[in-house]
Amino acid sequence: MLDQLTKRILILGGMGALGQPVVRRLISDGFTVRLLSREPFNTRMHFGGTIISNEGEMAMDAIEIIEGDCRRAFDVSTALTGCSGLHVSVKVSEGADSLQALESRTALAVAEAVKGRGLDLVTYTSCSFVNEEFTDNFIVKCKLDAEQIYIDNDAPWMVLRVAQPMEYLREFNQFGVGIKFGEMGQAHHWIASSDYAAVVARAHRGEFDPNQVLYPKGPEPYTFDRAMGTYLLNVHNRANMIKLPRGVLSVAKKLFPRPHLQYYEAMMQLLNDAPEGSHRIKGHDEQVRGRTTLMQWCAQQSELRQ
């Protein structure tokens, strides 16, 4: 086994749909995982592990939790003590200002904290929608700006423009009824979050050359209709779908100016209009392709419900 038994990876954003599987996969592969959290006791209740409070302190558990804010360079720098790598997977389902503040401030904090540390790798969770043609969409703009900061930082980097996670299908399910806005006819290679976690672990094992953009994706392309229908039928034993006009979210945003409505409107624009990104390095396409099919993932979800 490679010397990941002594490798410690700091994770920023380990509580989300993509962050949690990464934590668990790194641990199962023998890494020690350190989580920077503003709510360390809640994080410990979720994962277990040990809360550490002093710079340079280590724990006996595979999970170490340190209190701090990923947007502050001092906190990130303190948490990086004793770490060989860093994985960033932050997300906020709110408006442009909140997302921009989180993404850019985290990226700038990381860039400051990694200077002169000699880290093996910094991995960043982006998304397959990121494309210079869609910079009018604030999600794409925030991700693209953050990517550039990680690319310019003082450590080897890897940007992972991951396809849409299968787990996101749950967000469009309301009591067994699927909801779509507009046609949403673009085909996407929906990926199981566990497959994405495997890519992150392999990256920190050194299986890919650093300083490149990779596109982790699932094995099969599905339109939203097919993906959602497959999920509903196999997990909820029904396949009802409600189609709403794309403009509904725009009207709702004006009537009820809530930040999360701005986010969902931007996401619906991408699901309707933006194709998956192209691959800069074709040879890596198969290396980062997940193996879990949508049907296999649905079977797993069905078992969890029983």
C-alpha atoms as a PDB file:
ATOM      1  CA  MET A   1       0.000   0.000   0.000  1.00  0.00           C
ATOM      2  CA  LEU A   2       1.259   3.481  -0.726  1.00  0.00           C
ATOM      3  CA  ASP A   3       2.133   5.679   2.175  1.00  0.00           C
ATOM      4  CA  GLN A   4      -1.311   7.258   2.476  1.00  0.00           C
ATOM      5  CA  LEU A   5      -1.440   5.708   5.950  1.00  0.00           C
ATOM      6  CA  THR A   6       0.577   8.733   7.038  1.00  0.00           C
ATOM      7  CA  LYS A   7      -1.121  11.149   4.646  1.00  0.00           C
ATOM      8  CA  ARG A   8      -3.510  13.679   6.091  1.00  0.00           C
ATOM      9  CA  ILE A   9      -5.972  15.453   3.769  1.00  0.00           C
ATOM     10  CA  LEU A  10      -7.729  18.648   4.831  1.00  0.00           C
ATOM     11  CA  ILE A  11     -11.259  18.977   3.474  1.00  0.00           C
ATOM     12  CA  LEU A  12     -13.126  22.255   3.163  1.00  0.00           C
ATOM     13  CA  GLY A  13     -16.829  21.545   2.665  1.00  0.00           C
ATOM     14  CA  GLY A  14     -17.137  17.966   3.819  1.00  0.00           C
ATOM     15  CA  MET A  15     -20.832  18.017   4.740  1.00  0.00           C
ATOM     16  CA  GLY A  16     -22.449  18.336   1.301  1.00  0.00           C
ATOM     17  CA  ALA A  17     -23.750  15.723  -1.139  1.00  0.00           C
ATOM     18  CA  LEU A  18     -20.327  15.487  -2.775  1.00  0.00           C
ATOM     19  CA  GLY A  19     -18.221  16.233   0.301  1.00  0.00           C
ATOM     20  CA  GLN A  20     -19.472  13.475   2.606  1.00  0.00           C
ATOM     21  CA  PRO A  21     -18.676  10.585   0.232  1.00  0.00           C
ATOM     22  CA  VAL A  22     -15.172  12.012  -0.269  1.00  0.00           C
ATOM     23  CA  VAL A  23     -14.596  11.980   3.493  1.00  0.00           C
ATOM     24  CA  ARG A  24     -15.702   8.368   3.771  1.00  0.00           C
ATOM     25  CA  ARG A  25     -13.763   7.203   0.705  1.00  0.00           C
ATOM     26  CA  LEU A  26     -10.502   8.783   1.832  1.00  0.00           C
ATOM     27  CA  ILE A  27     -10.869   7.145   5.235  1.00  0.00           C
ATOM     28  CA  SER A  28     -11.632   3.736   3.708  1.00  0.00           C
ATOM     29  CA  ASP A  29      -8.534   4.121   1.519  1.00  0.00           C
ATOM     30  CA  GLY A  30      -6.343   4.667   4.559  1.00  0.00           C
ATOM     31  CA  PHE A  31      -5.977   8.432   4.662  1.00  0.00           C
ATOM     32  CA  THR A  32      -6.450  10.534   7.764  1.00  0.00           C
ATOM     33  CA  VAL A  33      -9.063  13.211   7.093  1.00  0.00           C
ATOM     34  CA  ARG A  34      -9.156  16.602   8.749  1.00  0.00           C
ATOM     35  CA  LEU A  35     -12.298  18.726   8.489  1.00  0.00           C
ATOM     36  CA  LEU A  36     -12.376  22.480   8.994  1.00  0.00           C
ATOM     37  CA  SER A  37     -15.797  23.318  10.400  1.00  0.00           C
ATOM     38  CA  ARG A  38     -17.521  26.351  11.868  1.00  0.00           C
ATOM     39  CA  GLU A  39     -19.676  23.915  13.872  1.00  0.00           C
ATOM     40  CA  PRO A  40     -17.257  21.190  15.027  1.00  0.00           C
ATOM     41  CA  PHE A  41     -19.645  19.531  17.478  1.00  0.00           C
ATOM     42  CA  ASN A  42     -22.326  19.099  14.803  1.00  0.00           C
ATOM     43  CA  THR A  43     -19.688  17.719  12.448  1.00  0.00           C
ATOM     44  CA  ARG A  44     -18.545  15.224  15.082  1.00  0.00           C
ATOM     45  CA  MET A  45     -22.139  14.106  15.669  1.00  0.00           C
ATOM     46  CA  HIS A  46     -22.375  13.380  11.929  1.00  0.00           C
ATOM     47  CA  PHE A  47     -19.022  11.686  11.306  1.00  0.00           C
ATOM     48  CA  GLY A  48     -17.572  10.834  14.699  1.00  0.00           C
ATOM     49  CA  GLY A  49     -13.895  11.619  15.100  1.00  0.00           C
ATOM     50  CA  THR A  50     -11.954  13.893  17.425  1.00  0.00           C
ATOM     51  CA  ILE A  51     -12.103  17.665  17.780  1.00  0.00           C
ATOM     52  CA  ILE A  52      -8.593  19.119  17.964  1.00  0.00           C
ATOM     53  CA  SER A  53      -7.967  22.635  19.160  1.00  0.00           C
ATOM     54  CA  ASN A  54      -4.238  23.345  19.033  1.00  0.00           C
ATOM     55  CA  GLU A  55      -2.039  23.995  16.010  1.00  0.00           C
ATOM     56  CA  GLY A  56       0.016  20.905  15.245  1.00  0.00           C
ATOM     57  CA  GLU A  57      -2.131  18.667  17.458  1.00  0.00           C
ATOM     58  CA  MET A  58      -2.943  15.247  16.012  1.00  0.00           C
ATOM     59  CA  ALA A  59      -5.635  12.732  16.891  1.00  0.00           C
ATOM     60  CA  MET A  60      -5.759   8.942  16.983  1.00  0.00           C
ATOM     61  CA  ASP A  61      -8.970   8.835  14.942  1.00  0.00           C
ATOM     62  CA  ALA A  62      -9.160   8.704  11.152  1.00  0.00           C
ATOM     63  CA  ILE A  63     -11.239  11.906  11.317  1.00  0.00           C
ATOM     64  CA  GLU A  64      -9.917  15.077  12.897  1.00  0.00           C
ATOM     65  CA  ILE A  65     -12.145  18.133  13.248  1.00  0.00           C
ATOM     66  CA  ILE A  66     -10.844  21.633  13.789  1.00  0.00           C
ATOM     67  CA  GLU A  67     -12.974  24.715  14.344  1.00  0.00           C
ATOM     68  CA  GLY A  68     -12.563  27.459  11.793  1.00  0.00           C
ATOM     69  CA  ASP A  69     -13.842  29.234   8.697  1.00  0.00           C
ATOM     70  CA  CYS A  70     -12.714  28.224   5.212  1.00  0.00           C
ATOM     71  CA  ARG A  71     -12.944  31.879   4.145  1.00  0.00           C
ATOM     72  CA  ARG A  72     -10.155  32.920   6.548  1.00  0.00           C
ATOM     73  CA  ALA A  73      -6.563  32.280   5.478  1.00  0.00           C
ATOM     74  CA  PHE A  74      -5.360  31.991   9.090  1.00  0.00           C
ATOM     75  CA  ASP A  75      -7.884  29.240   9.856  1.00  0.00           C
ATOM     76  CA  VAL A  76      -7.043  27.317   6.686  1.00  0.00           C
ATOM     77  CA  SER A  77      -3.319  27.691   7.351  1.00  0.00           C
ATOM     78  CA  THR A  78      -3.692  26.433  10.915  1.00  0.00           C
ATOM     79  CA  ALA A  79      -5.768  23.456   9.786  1.00  0.00           C
ATOM     80  CA  LEU A  80      -3.190  22.578   7.101  1.00  0.00           C
ATOM     81  CA  THR A  81      -0.485  21.883   9.688  1.00  0.00           C
ATOM     82  CA  GLY A  82       0.625  18.291   9.177  1.00  0.00           C
ATOM     83  CA  CYS A  83      -1.454  17.832   6.007  1.00  0.00           C
ATOM     84  CA  SER A  84      -0.109  16.650   2.653  1.00  0.00           C
ATOM     85  CA  GLY A  85      -3.135  17.581   0.561  1.00  0.00           C
ATOM     86  CA  LEU A  86      -6.280  19.696   0.433  1.00  0.00           C
ATOM     87  CA  HIS A  87      -9.700  19.097  -1.107  1.00  0.00           C
ATOM     88  CA  VAL A  88     -12.220  21.926  -1.584  1.00  0.00           C
ATOM     89  CA  SER A  89     -15.921  21.157  -2.051  1.00  0.00           C
ATOM     90  CA  VAL A  90     -17.821  24.226  -0.862  1.00  0.00           C
ATOM     91  CA  LYS A  91     -21.381  24.969  -1.921  1.00  0.00           C
ATOM     92  CA  VAL A  92     -24.155  27.371  -1.008  1.00  0.00           C
ATOM     93  CA  SER A  93     -27.581  27.222  -2.664  1.00  0.00           C
ATOM     94  CA  GLU A  94     -28.213  30.928  -2.380  1.00  0.00           C
ATOM     95  CA  GLY A  95     -27.868  34.064  -4.473  1.00  0.00           C
ATOM     96  CA  ALA A  96     -24.991  35.414  -6.526  1.00  0.00           C
ATOM     97  CA  ASP A  97     -23.521  37.521  -3.717  1.00  0.00           C
ATOM     98  CA  SER A  98     -23.414  34.634  -1.227  1.00  0.00           C
ATOM     99  CA  LEU A  99     -21.960  32.176  -3.727  1.00  0.00           C
ATOM    100  CA  GLN A 100     -19.375  34.663  -4.972  1.00  0.00           C
ATOM    101  CA  ALA A 101     -18.344  35.503  -1.412  1.00  0.00           C
ATOM    102  CA  LEU A 102     -17.959  31.850  -0.436  1.00  0.00           C
ATOM    103  CA  GLU A 103     -16.165  30.680  -3.581  1.00  0.00           C
ATOM    104  CA  SER A 104     -13.799  33.613  -4.028  1.00  0.00           C
ATOM    105  CA  ARG A 105     -12.962  34.129  -0.357  1.00  0.00           C
ATOM    106  CA  THR A 106     -12.317  30.415   0.117  1.00  0.00           C
ATOM    107  CA  ALA A 107     -10.096  30.276  -2.965  1.00  0.00           C
ATOM    108  CA  LEU A 108      -8.147  33.357  -1.868  1.00  0.00           C
ATOM    109  CA  ALA A 109      -7.776  31.961   1.658  1.00  0.00           C
ATOM    110  CA  VAL A 110      -6.441  28.697   0.244  1.00  0.00           C
ATOM    111  CA  ALA A 111      -4.036  30.510  -2.089  1.00  0.00           C
ATOM    112  CA  GLU A 112      -2.609  32.411   0.882  1.00  0.00           C
ATOM    113  CA  ALA A 113      -2.501  29.387   3.195  1.00  0.00           C
ATOM    114  CA  VAL A 114      -0.693  26.992   0.834  1.00  0.00           C
ATOM    115  CA  LYS A 115       2.225  29.328   0.076  1.00  0.00           C
ATOM    116  CA  GLY A 116       5.535  27.601   0.737  1.00  0.00           C
ATOM    117  CA  ARG A 117       3.958  24.507   2.310  1.00  0.00           C
ATOM    118  CA  GLY A 118       4.981  22.031  -0.357  1.00  0.00           C
ATOM    119  CA  LEU A 119       1.581  20.332  -0.502  1.00  0.00           C
ATOM    120  CA  ASP A 120       1.281  17.327  -2.793  1.00  0.00           C
ATOM    121  CA  LEU A 121      -2.044  18.425  -4.298  1.00  0.00           C
ATOM    122  CA  VAL A 122      -5.024  20.775  -4.026  1.00  0.00           C
ATOM    123  CA  THR A 123      -8.229  19.418  -5.595  1.00  0.00           C
ATOM    124  CA  TYR A 124     -11.242  21.612  -6.291  1.00  0.00           C
ATOM    125  CA  THR A 125     -14.817  20.507  -6.994  1.00  0.00           C
ATOM    126  CA  SER A 126     -16.153  22.499  -9.936  1.00  0.00           C
ATOM    127  CA  CYS A 127     -18.954  21.424 -12.296  1.00  0.00           C
ATOM    128  CA  SER A 128     -19.273  20.240 -15.881  1.00  0.00           C
ATOM    129  CA  PHE A 129     -21.342  23.308 -16.802  1.00  0.00           C
ATOM    130  CA  VAL A 130     -18.321  25.593 -16.414  1.00  0.00           C
ATOM    131  CA  ASN A 131     -17.737  27.085 -19.828  1.00  0.00           C
ATOM    132  CA  GLU A 132     -16.574  30.506 -20.958  1.00  0.00           C
ATOM    133  CA  GLU A 133     -19.710  30.751 -23.122  1.00  0.00           C
ATOM    134  CA  PHE A 134     -21.988  30.822 -20.052  1.00  0.00           C
ATOM    135  CA  THR A 135     -20.288  33.433 -17.882  1.00  0.00           C
ATOM    136  CA  ASP A 136     -23.552  35.405 -17.818  1.00  0.00           C
ATOM    137  CA  ASN A 137     -24.728  32.676 -15.427  1.00  0.00           C
ATOM    138  CA  PHE A 138     -23.485  33.568 -11.955  1.00  0.00           C
ATOM    139  CA  ILE A 139     -22.871  29.940 -10.945  1.00  0.00           C
ATOM    140  CA  VAL A 140     -20.540  29.457 -13.903  1.00  0.00           C
ATOM    141  CA  LYS A 141     -18.877  32.839 -13.331  1.00  0.00           C
ATOM    142  CA  CYS A 142     -18.217  32.099  -9.654  1.00  0.00           C
ATOM    143  CA  LYS A 143     -16.797  28.657 -10.419  1.00  0.00           C
ATOM    144  CA  LEU A 144     -14.667  29.911 -13.300  1.00  0.00           C
ATOM    145  CA  ASP A 145     -13.192  32.728 -11.213  1.00  0.00           C
ATOM    146  CA  ALA A 146     -12.453  30.351  -8.333  1.00  0.00           C
ATOM    147  CA  GLU A 147     -10.862  27.823 -10.696  1.00  0.00           C
ATOM    148  CA  GLN A 148      -8.381  30.438 -11.879  1.00  0.00           C
ATOM    149  CA  ILE A 149      -7.315  31.236  -8.321  1.00  0.00           C
ATOM    150  CA  TYR A 150      -6.642  27.546  -7.614  1.00  0.00           C
ATOM    151  CA  ILE A 151      -4.769  27.216 -10.910  1.00  0.00           C
ATOM    152  CA  ASP A 152      -2.567  30.190 -10.020  1.00  0.00           C
ATOM    153  CA  ASN A 153      -1.858  29.053  -6.455  1.00  0.00           C
ATOM    154  CA  ASP A 154       1.495  27.895  -5.063  1.00  0.00           C
ATOM    155  CA  ALA A 155       0.690  24.164  -5.008  1.00  0.00           C
ATOM    156  CA  PRO A 156       0.008  21.437  -7.586  1.00  0.00           C
ATOM    157  CA  TRP A 157      -3.682  21.621  -8.441  1.00  0.00           C
ATOM    158  CA  MET A 158      -6.465  19.656 -10.053  1.00  0.00           C
ATOM    159  CA  VAL A 159      -9.833  21.090 -11.075  1.00  0.00           C
ATOM    160  CA  LEU A 160     -12.569  18.451 -11.169  1.00  0.00           C
ATOM    161  CA  ARG A 161     -15.483  19.566 -13.348  1.00  0.00           C
ATOM    162  CA  VAL A 162     -17.825  16.879 -12.128  1.00  0.00           C
ATOM    163  CA  ALA A 163     -21.055  15.971 -13.946  1.00  0.00           C
ATOM    164  CA  GLN A 164     -24.421  16.281 -12.225  1.00  0.00           C
ATOM    165  CA  PRO A 165     -24.558  13.959  -9.185  1.00  0.00           C
ATOM    166  CA  MET A 166     -27.360  11.407  -9.191  1.00  0.00           C
ATOM    167  CA  GLU A 167     -28.080  12.493  -5.624  1.00  0.00           C
ATOM    168  CA  TYR A 168     -29.337  15.841  -6.949  1.00  0.00           C
ATOM    169  CA  LEU A 169     -32.362  14.053  -8.425  1.00  0.00           C
ATOM    170  CA  ARG A 170     -33.799  13.974  -4.904  1.00  0.00           C
ATOM    171  CA  GLU A 171     -34.060  17.765  -4.939  1.00  0.00           C
ATOM    172  CA  PHE A 172     -36.566  17.595  -7.811  1.00  0.00           C
ATOM    173  CA  ASN A 173     -38.720  14.969  -6.100  1.00  0.00           C
ATOM    174  CA  GLN A 174     -41.714  16.179  -4.123  1.00  0.00           C
ATOM    175  CA  PHE A 175     -43.614  13.290  -2.511  1.00  0.00           C
ATOM    176  CA  GLY A 176     -42.822  10.973  -5.402  1.00  0.00           C
ATOM    177  CA  VAL A 177     -43.614  13.527  -8.107  1.00  0.00           C
ATOM    178  CA  GLY A 178     -40.830  14.899 -10.281  1.00  0.00           C
ATOM    179  CA  ILE A 179     -40.740  18.626 -11.033  1.00  0.00           C
ATOM    180  CA  LYS A 180     -39.026  20.103 -14.069  1.00  0.00           C
ATOM    181  CA  PHE A 181     -38.727  23.660 -15.320  1.00  0.00           C
ATOM    182  CA  GLY A 182     -38.714  23.979 -19.101  1.00  0.00           C
ATOM    183  CA  GLU A 183     -37.644  21.157 -21.401  1.00  0.00           C
ATOM    184  CA  MET A 184     -34.343  20.317 -19.652  1.00  0.00           C
ATOM    185  CA  GLY A 185     -33.521  18.266 -22.732  1.00  0.00           C
ATOM    186  CA  GLN A 186     -29.717  18.280 -22.506  1.00  0.00           C
ATOM    187  CA  ALA A 187     -28.218  14.832 -21.918  1.00  0.00           C
ATOM    188  CA  HIS A 188     -25.830  14.600 -18.974  1.00  0.00           C
ATOM    189  CA  HIS A 189     -23.645  11.784 -17.667  1.00  0.00           C
ATOM    190  CA  TRP A 190     -25.138  11.733 -14.157  1.00  0.00           C
ATOM    191  CA  ILE A 191     -22.543  10.402 -11.719  1.00  0.00           C
ATOM    192  CA  ALA A 192     -22.903   8.626  -8.378  1.00  0.00           C
ATOM    193  CA  SER A 193     -21.242  10.651  -5.629  1.00  0.00           C
ATOM    194  CA  SER A 194     -19.363   7.534  -4.517  1.00  0.00           C
ATOM    195  CA  ASP A 195     -17.744   7.320  -7.956  1.00  0.00           C
ATOM    196  CA  TYR A 196     -16.716  10.952  -7.737  1.00  0.00           C
ATOM    197  CA  ALA A 197     -15.239  10.306  -4.297  1.00  0.00           C
ATOM    198  CA  ALA A 198     -13.148   7.516  -5.802  1.00  0.00           C
ATOM    199  CA  VAL A 199     -11.712   9.969  -8.354  1.00  0.00           C
ATOM    200  CA  VAL A 200     -10.710  12.379  -5.562  1.00  0.00           C
ATOM    201  CA  ALA A 201      -9.028   9.572  -3.619  1.00  0.00           C
ATOM    202  CA  ARG A 202      -7.151   8.423  -6.714  1.00  0.00           C
ATOM    203  CA  ALA A 203      -6.007  11.983  -7.357  1.00  0.00           C
ATOM    204  CA  HIS A 204      -4.541  12.202  -3.847  1.00  0.00           C
ATOM    205  CA  ARG A 205      -2.882   8.815  -4.357  1.00  0.00           C
ATOM    206  CA  GLY A 206      -1.041  10.386  -7.277  1.00  0.00           C
ATOM    207  CA  GLU A 207      -2.718   8.401 -10.070  1.00  0.00           C
ATOM    208  CA  PHE A 208      -3.188  11.473 -12.284  1.00  0.00           C
ATOM    209  CA  ASP A 209      -0.725  14.099 -13.382  1.00  0.00           C
ATOM    210  CA  PRO A 210      -1.404  17.346 -11.488  1.00  0.00           C
ATOM    211  CA  ASN A 211      -2.123  20.781 -12.944  1.00  0.00           C
ATOM    212  CA  GLN A 212      -4.990  19.819 -15.216  1.00  0.00           C
ATOM    213  CA  VAL A 213      -8.774  19.952 -15.537  1.00  0.00           C
ATOM    214  CA  LEU A 214     -10.584  16.607 -15.447  1.00  0.00           C
ATOM    215  CA  TYR A 215     -14.248  15.781 -16.094  1.00  0.00           C
ATOM    216  CA  PRO A 216     -15.519  12.977 -13.810  1.00  0.00           C
ATOM    217  CA  LYS A 217     -18.811  11.676 -15.169  1.00  0.00           C
ATOM    218  CA  GLY A 218     -21.135   8.693 -15.088  1.00  0.00           C
ATOM    219  CA  PRO A 219     -21.169   5.808 -17.574  1.00  0.00           C
ATOM    220  CA  GLU A 220     -24.386   6.749 -19.414  1.00  0.00           C
ATOM    221  CA  PRO A 221     -25.972   9.956 -20.764  1.00  0.00           C
ATOM    222  CA  TYR A 222     -29.515  10.692 -19.581  1.00  0.00           C
ATOM    223  CA  THR A 223     -31.810  13.614 -20.203  1.00  0.00           C
ATOM    224  CA  PHE A 224     -33.470  14.948 -17.077  1.00  0.00           C
ATOM    225  CA  ASP A 225     -36.776  13.277 -18.042  1.00  0.00           C
ATOM    226  CA  ARG A 226     -35.167   9.858 -18.385  1.00  0.00           C
ATOM    227  CA  ALA A 227     -33.037  10.225 -15.276  1.00  0.00           C
ATOM    228  CA  MET A 228     -35.901  11.488 -13.118  1.00  0.00           C
ATOM    229  CA  GLY A 229     -38.350   8.950 -14.507  1.00  0.00           C
ATOM    230  CA  THR A 230     -35.911   6.114 -13.816  1.00  0.00           C
ATOM    231  CA  TYR A 231     -35.356   7.366 -10.277  1.00  0.00           C
ATOM    232  CA  LEU A 232     -39.050   7.799  -9.462  1.00  0.00           C
ATOM    233  CA  LEU A 233     -40.100   4.465 -10.937  1.00  0.00           C
ATOM    234  CA  ASN A 234     -37.375   2.397  -9.296  1.00  0.00           C
ATOM    235  CA  VAL A 235     -37.159   4.151  -5.930  1.00  0.00           C
ATOM    236  CA  HIS A 236     -40.690   5.506  -5.368  1.00  0.00           C
ATOM    237  CA  ASN A 237     -42.669   3.064  -7.562  1.00  0.00           C
ATOM    238  CA  ARG A 238     -44.208   5.882  -9.580  1.00  0.00           C
ATOM    239  CA  ALA A 239     -43.203   8.047 -12.514  1.00  0.00           C
ATOM    240  CA  ASN A 240     -45.328  11.184 -12.294  1.00  0.00           C
ATOM    241  CA  MET A 241     -43.782  14.373 -13.623  1.00  0.00           C
ATOM    242  CA  ILE A 242     -44.960  17.981 -13.484  1.00  0.00           C
ATOM    243  CA  LYS A 243     -43.589  20.374 -16.073  1.00  0.00           C
ATOM    244  CA  LEU A 244     -43.561  24.067 -15.203  1.00  0.00           C
ATOM    245  CA  PRO A 245     -42.600  26.958 -17.504  1.00  0.00           C
ATOM    246  CA  ARG A 246     -39.053  28.207 -17.085  1.00  0.00           C
ATOM    247  CA  GLY A 247     -40.398  31.660 -16.280  1.00  0.00           C
ATOM    248  CA  VAL A 248     -42.069  30.455 -13.076  1.00  0.00           C
ATOM    249  CA  LEU A 249     -38.854  30.826 -11.084  1.00  0.00           C
ATOM    250  CA  SER A 250     -38.224  34.279 -12.517  1.00  0.00           C
ATOM    251  CA  VAL A 251     -41.709  35.420 -11.463  1.00  0.00           C
ATOM    252  CA  ALA A 252     -41.344  33.788  -8.045  1.00  0.00           C
ATOM    253  CA  LYS A 253     -37.976  35.498  -7.556  1.00  0.00           C
ATOM    254  CA  LYS A 254     -39.593  38.895  -8.165  1.00  0.00           C
ATOM    255  CA  LEU A 255     -42.575  38.212  -5.924  1.00  0.00           C
ATOM    256  CA  PHE A 256     -40.529  36.545  -3.187  1.00  0.00           C
ATOM    257  CA  PRO A 257     -36.952  37.878  -3.416  1.00  0.00           C
ATOM    258  CA  ARG A 258     -35.235  34.983  -1.689  1.00  0.00           C
ATOM    259  CA  PRO A 259     -31.564  34.178  -2.443  1.00  0.00           C
ATOM    260  CA  HIS A 260     -32.195  30.460  -3.004  1.00  0.00           C
ATOM    261  CA  LEU A 261     -34.701  31.251  -5.791  1.00  0.00           C
ATOM    262  CA  GLN A 262     -31.979  33.170  -7.614  1.00  0.00           C
ATOM    263  CA  TYR A 263     -29.734  30.124  -7.327  1.00  0.00           C
ATOM    264  CA  TYR A 264     -32.352  27.688  -8.618  1.00  0.00           C
ATOM    265  CA  GLU A 265     -33.211  29.963 -11.532  1.00  0.00           C
ATOM    266  CA  ALA A 266     -29.535  29.989 -12.539  1.00  0.00           C
ATOM    267  CA  MET A 267     -29.322  26.212 -12.178  1.00  0.00           C
ATOM    268  CA  MET A 268     -32.425  25.730 -14.325  1.00  0.00           C
ATOM    269  CA  GLN A 269     -30.823  27.865 -17.021  1.00  0.00           C
ATOM    270  CA  LEU A 270     -27.842  25.511 -17.051  1.00  0.00           C
ATOM    271  CA  LEU A 271     -29.925  22.333 -17.060  1.00  0.00           C
ATOM    272  CA  ASN A 272     -31.922  23.694 -19.993  1.00  0.00           C
ATOM    273  CA  ASP A 273     -29.232  25.349 -22.081  1.00  0.00           C
ATOM    274  CA  ALA A 274     -25.715  24.294 -21.135  1.00  0.00           C
ATOM    275  CA  PRO A 275     -24.155  21.118 -22.541  1.00  0.00           C
ATOM    276  CA  GLU A 276     -21.541  19.195 -20.611  1.00  0.00           C
ATOM    277  CA  GLY A 277     -18.028  20.564 -20.974  1.00  0.00           C
ATOM    278  CA  SER A 278     -15.550  19.306 -23.532  1.00  0.00           C
ATOM    279  CA  HIS A 279     -12.506  17.365 -22.414  1.00  0.00           C
ATOM    280  CA  ARG A 280      -9.117  18.986 -22.707  1.00  0.00           C
ATOM    281  CA  ILE A 281      -7.312  15.659 -22.368  1.00  0.00           C
ATOM    282  CA  LYS A 282      -9.274  12.953 -24.161  1.00  0.00           C
ATOM    283  CA  GLY A 283      -7.148  10.147 -22.753  1.00  0.00           C
ATOM    284  CA  HIS A 284      -8.347  10.818 -19.230  1.00  0.00           C
ATOM    285  CA  ASP A 285     -12.016  10.601 -20.182  1.00  0.00           C
ATOM    286  CA  GLU A 286     -12.284   6.891 -19.395  1.00  0.00           C
ATOM    287  CA  GLN A 287      -9.998   7.096 -16.359  1.00  0.00           C
ATOM    288  CA  VAL A 288     -12.405   9.344 -14.484  1.00  0.00           C
ATOM    289  CA  ARG A 289     -15.634   7.799 -15.763  1.00  0.00           C
ATOM    290  CA  GLY A 290     -17.745   6.312 -12.987  1.00  0.00           C
ATOM    291  CA  ARG A 291     -18.937   2.716 -13.154  1.00  0.00           C
ATOM    292  CA  THR A 292     -22.212   2.973 -11.244  1.00  0.00           C
ATOM    293  CA  THR A 293     -25.168   3.052 -13.628  1.00  0.00           C
ATOM    294  CA  LEU A 294     -28.315   4.975 -12.796  1.00  0.00           C
ATOM    295  CA  MET A 295     -30.214   1.696 -12.365  1.00  0.00           C
ATOM    296  CA  GLN A 296     -27.595   0.413  -9.913  1.00  0.00           C
ATOM    297  CA  TRP A 297     -27.712   3.650  -7.963  1.00  0.00           C
ATOM    298  CA  CYS A 298     -31.529   3.513  -7.859  1.00  0.00           C
ATOM    299  CA  ALA A 299     -31.359  -0.038  -6.511  1.00  0.00           C
ATOM    300  CA  GLN A 300     -29.076   1.187  -3.718  1.00  0.00           C
ATOM    301  CA  GLN A 301     -31.482   4.022  -2.872  1.00  0.00           C
ATOM    302  CA  SER A 302     -34.421   1.622  -2.833  1.00  0.00           C
ATOM    303  CA  GLU A 303     -32.611  -0.632  -0.350  1.00  0.00           C
ATOM    304  CA  LEU A 304     -31.876   2.338   1.899  1.00  0.00           C
ATOM    305  CA  ARG A 305     -35.594   3.189   1.999  1.00  0.00           C
ATOM    306  CA  GLN A 306     -36.597  -0.277   3.160  1.00  0.00           C
END
